């Protein structure tokens, strides 16, 4: 395996940043090519002094952002037609919309950001956001944030970690997503509790005001 990786690194050092851009951009458009592997390889090559790590991170982030936006536009303009068109598996295709739209209404920003770190979502999240008609400014913000964080984190890990970086990155990626999801759930519960307390306080204040108003009206009637 290390021999294969060494051969890929050798090729990457010759082809360089253009290949990195193409692979990442094409992957984020929804085509399953090894974009993340390309970033890791470029980071390793940069660690050997054959590429500038700043260029690797900048190219990877730019390709991720642009590719995702193309995927979003494809999903928005053509994906929905494809899923709703009559024909084979139409029920299953409609199910994608039935599940996807409510999910992106509730969790769209998180899915777009975290999708950058998960192989399956990295390929599908952009066009599913388009199919689900997620607001483009919101998509663009979280997509850019995810692309920059992903490119910087994985690029630097590969740069400093060398040829053992890929296994480390996959472990950290899974653990990181788990930590973010856990934090999100805790934050959701805390905000939900605070919201209920605030609603209870408002309802109590309204009830007291109504009671005072009723007492005042009763006193006026007696006079």
C-alpha atoms as a PDB file:
ATOM      1  CA  UNK A   1       0.000   0.000   0.000  1.00  0.00           C
ATOM      2  CA  UNK A   2       2.830   2.393   0.837  1.00  0.00           C
ATOM      3  CA  UNK A   3       4.409   1.581  -2.532  1.00  0.00           C
ATOM      4  CA  UNK A   4       1.174   2.521  -4.309  1.00  0.00           C
ATOM      5  CA  UNK A   5       0.920   5.743  -2.320  1.00  0.00           C
ATOM      6  CA  UNK A   6       4.534   6.570  -3.136  1.00  0.00           C
ATOM      7  CA  UNK A   7       3.778   6.114  -6.835  1.00  0.00           C
ATOM      8  CA  UNK A   8       0.723   8.391  -6.572  1.00  0.00           C
ATOM      9  CA  UNK A   9       2.788  10.985  -4.721  1.00  0.00           C
ATOM     10  CA  UNK A  10       5.414  10.851  -7.462  1.00  0.00           C
ATOM     11  CA  UNK A  11       2.773  11.434 -10.151  1.00  0.00           C
ATOM     12  CA  UNK A  12       1.126  14.199  -8.106  1.00  0.00           C
ATOM     13  CA  UNK A  13       4.424  16.021  -7.694  1.00  0.00           C
ATOM     14  CA  UNK A  14       4.718  16.176 -11.489  1.00  0.00           C
ATOM     15  CA  UNK A  15       1.102  17.100 -12.312  1.00  0.00           C
ATOM     16  CA  UNK A  16       0.619  19.347  -9.290  1.00  0.00           C
ATOM     17  CA  UNK A  17      -2.136  21.809  -8.470  1.00  0.00           C
ATOM     18  CA  UNK A  18      -4.171  21.619 -11.730  1.00  0.00           C
ATOM     19  CA  UNK A  19      -4.922  17.934 -11.133  1.00  0.00           C
ATOM     20  CA  UNK A  20      -5.834  18.690  -7.513  1.00  0.00           C
ATOM     21  CA  UNK A  21      -8.286  21.370  -8.628  1.00  0.00           C
ATOM     22  CA  UNK A  22      -9.932  19.142 -11.249  1.00  0.00           C
ATOM     23  CA  UNK A  23     -10.375  16.120  -8.974  1.00  0.00           C
ATOM     24  CA  UNK A  24     -11.844  18.082  -6.081  1.00  0.00           C
ATOM     25  CA  UNK A  25     -14.111  20.196  -8.289  1.00  0.00           C
ATOM     26  CA  UNK A  26     -15.423  17.169 -10.192  1.00  0.00           C
ATOM     27  CA  UNK A  27     -16.052  15.217  -6.983  1.00  0.00           C
ATOM     28  CA  UNK A  28     -18.012  18.054  -5.410  1.00  0.00           C
ATOM     29  CA  UNK A  29     -20.145  18.352  -8.559  1.00  0.00           C
ATOM     30  CA  UNK A  30     -21.442  14.862  -7.723  1.00  0.00           C
ATOM     31  CA  UNK A  31     -19.094  12.560  -9.648  1.00  0.00           C
ATOM     32  CA  UNK A  32     -17.349   9.943  -7.472  1.00  0.00           C
ATOM     33  CA  UNK A  33     -13.644  10.622  -8.044  1.00  0.00           C
ATOM     34  CA  UNK A  34     -10.981  10.641  -5.268  1.00  0.00           C
ATOM     35  CA  UNK A  35     -11.008  14.336  -4.402  1.00  0.00           C
ATOM     36  CA  UNK A  36     -10.129  13.922  -0.736  1.00  0.00           C
ATOM     37  CA  UNK A  37      -7.325  11.495  -1.624  1.00  0.00           C
ATOM     38  CA  UNK A  38      -6.021  14.122  -4.046  1.00  0.00           C
ATOM     39  CA  UNK A  39      -5.905  16.689  -1.222  1.00  0.00           C
ATOM     40  CA  UNK A  40      -4.109  14.268   1.103  1.00  0.00           C
ATOM     41  CA  UNK A  41      -1.634  13.365  -1.627  1.00  0.00           C
ATOM     42  CA  UNK A  42      -0.990  17.026  -2.454  1.00  0.00           C
ATOM     43  CA  UNK A  43      -0.411  17.725   1.242  1.00  0.00           C
ATOM     44  CA  UNK A  44       2.140  14.904   1.407  1.00  0.00           C
ATOM     45  CA  UNK A  45       3.838  16.219  -1.734  1.00  0.00           C
ATOM     46  CA  UNK A  46       3.953  19.683  -0.168  1.00  0.00           C
ATOM     47  CA  UNK A  47       5.530  18.174   2.941  1.00  0.00           C
ATOM     48  CA  UNK A  48       8.331  16.856   0.725  1.00  0.00           C
ATOM     49  CA  UNK A  49       8.937  20.373  -0.565  1.00  0.00           C
ATOM     50  CA  UNK A  50       7.545  19.810  -4.077  1.00  0.00           C
ATOM     51  CA  UNK A  51       4.417  21.965  -3.740  1.00  0.00           C
ATOM     52  CA  UNK A  52       3.608  25.056  -1.643  1.00  0.00           C
ATOM     53  CA  UNK A  53       1.180  24.065   1.123  1.00  0.00           C
ATOM     54  CA  UNK A  54      -0.477  27.496   0.874  1.00  0.00           C
ATOM     55  CA  UNK A  55      -1.229  26.815  -2.788  1.00  0.00           C
ATOM     56  CA  UNK A  56      -2.557  23.334  -1.992  1.00  0.00           C
ATOM     57  CA  UNK A  57      -4.981  24.704   0.606  1.00  0.00           C
ATOM     58  CA  UNK A  58      -6.090  27.641  -1.570  1.00  0.00           C
ATOM     59  CA  UNK A  59      -6.642  25.478  -4.663  1.00  0.00           C
ATOM     60  CA  UNK A  60      -8.462  22.759  -2.692  1.00  0.00           C
ATOM     61  CA  UNK A  61     -10.781  25.243  -0.960  1.00  0.00           C
ATOM     62  CA  UNK A  62     -11.525  27.096  -4.209  1.00  0.00           C
ATOM     63  CA  UNK A  63     -12.215  23.870  -6.114  1.00  0.00           C
ATOM     64  CA  UNK A  64     -14.484  22.603  -3.321  1.00  0.00           C
ATOM     65  CA  UNK A  65     -16.499  25.826  -3.215  1.00  0.00           C
ATOM     66  CA  UNK A  66     -16.848  26.197  -6.989  1.00  0.00           C
ATOM     67  CA  UNK A  67     -17.596  22.513  -7.547  1.00  0.00           C
ATOM     68  CA  UNK A  68     -20.274  22.497  -4.861  1.00  0.00           C
ATOM     69  CA  UNK A  69     -21.920  25.569  -6.368  1.00  0.00           C
ATOM     70  CA  UNK A  70     -22.040  23.891  -9.770  1.00  0.00           C
ATOM     71  CA  UNK A  71     -23.524  20.795  -8.121  1.00  0.00           C
ATOM     72  CA  UNK A  72     -26.075  22.986  -6.330  1.00  0.00           C
ATOM     73  CA  UNK A  73     -27.137  24.630  -9.599  1.00  0.00           C
ATOM     74  CA  UNK A  74     -27.391  21.276 -11.365  1.00  0.00           C
ATOM     75  CA  UNK A  75     -29.564  19.934  -8.558  1.00  0.00           C
ATOM     76  CA  UNK A  76     -31.733  23.042  -8.527  1.00  0.00           C
ATOM     77  CA  UNK A  77     -32.366  23.192 -12.283  1.00  0.00           C
ATOM     78  CA  UNK A  78     -32.178  19.570 -13.397  1.00  0.00           C
ATOM     79  CA  UNK A  79     -32.117  17.269 -10.371  1.00  0.00           C
ATOM     80  CA  UNK A  80     -35.732  17.856  -9.421  1.00  0.00           C
ATOM     81  CA  UNK A  81     -36.907  17.186 -12.981  1.00  0.00           C
ATOM     82  CA  UNK A  82     -34.949  13.957 -13.035  1.00  0.00           C
ATOM     83  CA  UNK A  83     -36.382  12.793  -9.709  1.00  0.00           C
ATOM     84  CA  UNK A  84     -39.983  13.701 -10.575  1.00  0.00           C
ATOM     85  CA  UNK A  85     -39.940  12.397 -14.168  1.00  0.00           C
ATOM     86  CA  UNK A  86     -42.247   9.419 -14.816  1.00  0.00           C
ATOM     87  CA  UNK A  87     -40.586   6.096 -15.420  1.00  0.00           C
ATOM     88  CA  UNK A  88     -38.739   3.340 -13.572  1.00  0.00           C
ATOM     89  CA  UNK A  89     -38.309   3.718  -9.801  1.00  0.00           C
ATOM     90  CA  UNK A  90     -40.455   6.872  -9.794  1.00  0.00           C
ATOM     91  CA  UNK A  91     -41.772   6.102  -6.299  1.00  0.00           C
ATOM     92  CA  UNK A  92     -38.246   5.778  -4.909  1.00  0.00           C
ATOM     93  CA  UNK A  93     -37.123   8.941  -6.688  1.00  0.00           C
ATOM     94  CA  UNK A  94     -40.046  10.898  -5.260  1.00  0.00           C
ATOM     95  CA  UNK A  95     -39.134   9.541  -1.847  1.00  0.00           C
ATOM     96  CA  UNK A  96     -35.771  11.295  -2.130  1.00  0.00           C
ATOM     97  CA  UNK A  97     -37.602  14.634  -2.373  1.00  0.00           C
ATOM     98  CA  UNK A  98     -40.081  13.750   0.365  1.00  0.00           C
ATOM     99  CA  UNK A  99     -37.226  12.993   2.767  1.00  0.00           C
ATOM    100  CA  UNK A 100     -34.711  15.529   1.476  1.00  0.00           C
ATOM    101  CA  UNK A 101     -36.810  18.700   1.601  1.00  0.00           C
ATOM    102  CA  UNK A 102     -37.836  18.493   5.291  1.00  0.00           C
ATOM    103  CA  UNK A 103     -34.302  17.427   6.219  1.00  0.00           C
ATOM    104  CA  UNK A 104     -32.690  20.413   4.483  1.00  0.00           C
ATOM    105  CA  UNK A 105     -35.338  22.754   5.895  1.00  0.00           C
ATOM    106  CA  UNK A 106     -34.243  21.750   9.392  1.00  0.00           C
ATOM    107  CA  UNK A 107     -30.603  20.763   9.015  1.00  0.00           C
ATOM    108  CA  UNK A 108     -29.470  22.270   5.698  1.00  0.00           C
ATOM    109  CA  UNK A 109     -26.579  24.406   7.013  1.00  0.00           C
ATOM    110  CA  UNK A 110     -25.204  21.557   9.150  1.00  0.00           C
ATOM    111  CA  UNK A 111     -25.529  19.069   6.280  1.00  0.00           C
ATOM    112  CA  UNK A 112     -23.698  21.370   3.862  1.00  0.00           C
ATOM    113  CA  UNK A 113     -20.881  22.123   6.317  1.00  0.00           C
ATOM    114  CA  UNK A 114     -20.407  18.601   7.689  1.00  0.00           C
ATOM    115  CA  UNK A 115     -20.978  17.003   4.287  1.00  0.00           C
ATOM    116  CA  UNK A 116     -17.543  18.233   3.272  1.00  0.00           C
ATOM    117  CA  UNK A 117     -16.010  15.789   5.808  1.00  0.00           C
ATOM    118  CA  UNK A 118     -18.077  12.673   4.976  1.00  0.00           C
ATOM    119  CA  UNK A 119     -17.383  10.803   1.735  1.00  0.00           C
ATOM    120  CA  UNK A 120     -20.987  10.019   0.759  1.00  0.00           C
ATOM    121  CA  UNK A 121     -22.338  13.454   1.649  1.00  0.00           C
ATOM    122  CA  UNK A 122     -19.394  15.171   0.009  1.00  0.00           C
ATOM    123  CA  UNK A 123     -20.658  13.904  -3.348  1.00  0.00           C
ATOM    124  CA  UNK A 124     -24.410  14.369  -2.793  1.00  0.00           C
ATOM    125  CA  UNK A 125     -24.986  17.230  -0.346  1.00  0.00           C
ATOM    126  CA  UNK A 126     -24.608  20.054  -2.882  1.00  0.00           C
ATOM    127  CA  UNK A 127     -27.041  18.766  -5.475  1.00  0.00           C
ATOM    128  CA  UNK A 128     -29.462  17.593  -2.773  1.00  0.00           C
ATOM    129  CA  UNK A 129     -29.396  21.126  -1.365  1.00  0.00           C
ATOM    130  CA  UNK A 130     -30.276  22.352  -4.862  1.00  0.00           C
ATOM    131  CA  UNK A 131     -33.027  19.772  -5.323  1.00  0.00           C
ATOM    132  CA  UNK A 132     -34.465  20.735  -1.923  1.00  0.00           C
ATOM    133  CA  UNK A 133     -34.413  24.442  -2.940  1.00  0.00           C
ATOM    134  CA  UNK A 134     -32.207  25.567  -0.086  1.00  0.00           C
ATOM    135  CA  UNK A 135     -31.633  29.330  -0.158  1.00  0.00           C
ATOM    136  CA  UNK A 136     -28.491  29.977  -2.192  1.00  0.00           C
ATOM    137  CA  UNK A 137     -26.931  32.636   0.130  1.00  0.00           C
ATOM    138  CA  UNK A 138     -27.221  30.261   3.102  1.00  0.00           C
ATOM    139  CA  UNK A 139     -25.814  27.393   1.047  1.00  0.00           C
ATOM    140  CA  UNK A 140     -22.930  29.554  -0.186  1.00  0.00           C
ATOM    141  CA  UNK A 141     -21.925  30.675   3.311  1.00  0.00           C
ATOM    142  CA  UNK A 142     -21.873  27.206   4.900  1.00  0.00           C
ATOM    143  CA  UNK A 143     -20.397  25.634   1.783  1.00  0.00           C
ATOM    144  CA  UNK A 144     -17.527  28.140   1.773  1.00  0.00           C
ATOM    145  CA  UNK A 145     -16.941  27.682   5.504  1.00  0.00           C
ATOM    146  CA  UNK A 146     -16.886  23.895   5.124  1.00  0.00           C
ATOM    147  CA  UNK A 147     -14.588  24.021   2.098  1.00  0.00           C
ATOM    148  CA  UNK A 148     -12.059  26.299   3.781  1.00  0.00           C
ATOM    149  CA  UNK A 149     -12.017  24.348   7.061  1.00  0.00           C
ATOM    150  CA  UNK A 150     -11.785  21.008   5.207  1.00  0.00           C
ATOM    151  CA  UNK A 151      -8.958  22.110   2.909  1.00  0.00           C
ATOM    152  CA  UNK A 152      -6.987  23.707   5.740  1.00  0.00           C
ATOM    153  CA  UNK A 153      -7.429  20.852   8.220  1.00  0.00           C
ATOM    154  CA  UNK A 154      -6.769  17.930   5.897  1.00  0.00           C
ATOM    155  CA  UNK A 155      -4.073  19.751   3.946  1.00  0.00           C
ATOM    156  CA  UNK A 156      -2.077  20.559   7.086  1.00  0.00           C
ATOM    157  CA  UNK A 157      -2.588  17.090   8.567  1.00  0.00           C
ATOM    158  CA  UNK A 158      -1.221  15.541   5.384  1.00  0.00           C
ATOM    159  CA  UNK A 159       1.590  18.107   5.235  1.00  0.00           C
ATOM    160  CA  UNK A 160       2.790  17.332   8.758  1.00  0.00           C
ATOM    161  CA  UNK A 161       1.648  13.703   8.969  1.00  0.00           C
ATOM    162  CA  UNK A 162       3.272  12.415   5.796  1.00  0.00           C
ATOM    163  CA  UNK A 163       2.339   9.064   4.290  1.00  0.00           C
ATOM    164  CA  UNK A 164       0.512   7.897   7.424  1.00  0.00           C
ATOM    165  CA  UNK A 165      -1.809  10.898   7.298  1.00  0.00           C
ATOM    166  CA  UNK A 166      -4.715   9.238   5.460  1.00  0.00           C
ATOM    167  CA  UNK A 167      -5.592   6.767   8.229  1.00  0.00           C
ATOM    168  CA  UNK A 168      -5.176   9.499  10.841  1.00  0.00           C
ATOM    169  CA  UNK A 169      -7.370  11.879   8.850  1.00  0.00           C
ATOM    170  CA  UNK A 170     -10.181   9.340   8.500  1.00  0.00           C
ATOM    171  CA  UNK A 171     -10.091   8.648  12.252  1.00  0.00           C
ATOM    172  CA  UNK A 172     -10.034  12.347  13.139  1.00  0.00           C
ATOM    173  CA  UNK A 173     -12.737  13.072  10.576  1.00  0.00           C
ATOM    174  CA  UNK A 174     -15.131  10.526  12.067  1.00  0.00           C
ATOM    175  CA  UNK A 175     -14.348  11.616  15.634  1.00  0.00           C
ATOM    176  CA  UNK A 176     -14.681  15.278  14.672  1.00  0.00           C
ATOM    177  CA  UNK A 177     -18.069  14.768  13.068  1.00  0.00           C
ATOM    178  CA  UNK A 178     -19.202  12.842  16.149  1.00  0.00           C
ATOM    179  CA  UNK A 179     -18.051  15.665  18.404  1.00  0.00           C
ATOM    180  CA  UNK A 180     -19.789  18.303  16.294  1.00  0.00           C
ATOM    181  CA  UNK A 181     -23.024  16.301  16.199  1.00  0.00           C
ATOM    182  CA  UNK A 182     -22.903  15.756  19.975  1.00  0.00           C
ATOM    183  CA  UNK A 183     -22.261  19.455  20.566  1.00  0.00           C
ATOM    184  CA  UNK A 184     -25.129  20.326  18.236  1.00  0.00           C
ATOM    185  CA  UNK A 185     -27.537  18.037  20.084  1.00  0.00           C
ATOM    186  CA  UNK A 186     -26.523  19.450  23.472  1.00  0.00           C
ATOM    187  CA  UNK A 187     -26.888  22.999  22.162  1.00  0.00           C
ATOM    188  CA  UNK A 188     -30.312  22.139  20.711  1.00  0.00           C
ATOM    189  CA  UNK A 189     -31.537  20.745  24.044  1.00  0.00           C
ATOM    190  CA  UNK A 190     -30.220  23.757  25.983  1.00  0.00           C
ATOM    191  CA  UNK A 191     -31.828  26.230  23.594  1.00  0.00           C
ATOM    192  CA  UNK A 192     -35.079  24.263  23.673  1.00  0.00           C
ATOM    193  CA  UNK A 193     -35.160  24.385  27.486  1.00  0.00           C
ATOM    194  CA  UNK A 194     -34.403  28.124  27.499  1.00  0.00           C
ATOM    195  CA  UNK A 195     -37.099  28.739  24.908  1.00  0.00           C
ATOM    196  CA  UNK A 196     -39.687  26.863  26.967  1.00  0.00           C
ATOM    197  CA  UNK A 197     -38.709  28.809  30.081  1.00  0.00           C
ATOM    198  CA  UNK A 198     -39.005  32.087  28.190  1.00  0.00           C
ATOM    199  CA  UNK A 199     -42.404  31.073  26.830  1.00  0.00           C
ATOM    200  CA  UNK A 200     -43.545  30.116  30.336  1.00  0.00           C
ATOM    201  CA  UNK A 201     -42.404  33.499  31.689  1.00  0.00           C
ATOM    202  CA  UNK A 202     -44.232  35.329  28.906  1.00  0.00           C
ATOM    203  CA  UNK A 203     -47.401  33.282  29.438  1.00  0.00           C
ATOM    204  CA  UNK A 204     -47.217  33.955  33.180  1.00  0.00           C
ATOM    205  CA  UNK A 205     -46.791  37.685  32.631  1.00  0.00           C
ATOM    206  CA  UNK A 206     -49.716  37.726  30.192  1.00  0.00           C
ATOM    207  CA  UNK A 207     -51.890  35.784  32.632  1.00  0.00           C
ATOM    208  CA  UNK A 208     -51.049  38.177  35.472  1.00  0.00           C
ATOM    209  CA  UNK A 209     -51.757  41.184  33.276  1.00  0.00           C
ATOM    210  CA  UNK A 210     -55.105  39.711  32.236  1.00  0.00           C
ATOM    211  CA  UNK A 211     -55.942  38.991  35.870  1.00  0.00           C
ATOM    212  CA  UNK A 212     -55.148  42.585  36.878  1.00  0.00           C
ATOM    213  CA  UNK A 213     -57.194  43.865  33.968  1.00  0.00           C
ATOM    214  CA  UNK A 214     -60.110  41.653  34.943  1.00  0.00           C
ATOM    215  CA  UNK A 215     -59.875  42.791  38.581  1.00  0.00           C
ATOM    216  CA  UNK A 216     -59.751  46.415  37.479  1.00  0.00           C
ATOM    217  CA  UNK A 217     -62.782  45.917  35.231  1.00  0.00           C
ATOM    218  CA  UNK A 218     -64.661  44.159  38.044  1.00  0.00           C
ATOM    219  CA  UNK A 219     -63.918  47.039  40.434  1.00  0.00           C
ATOM    220  CA  UNK A 220     -65.159  49.593  37.885  1.00  0.00           C
ATOM    221  CA  UNK A 221     -68.402  47.646  37.441  1.00  0.00           C
ATOM    222  CA  UNK A 222     -69.066  47.511  41.178  1.00  0.00           C
ATOM    223  CA  UNK A 223     -68.679  51.288  41.459  1.00  0.00           C
END
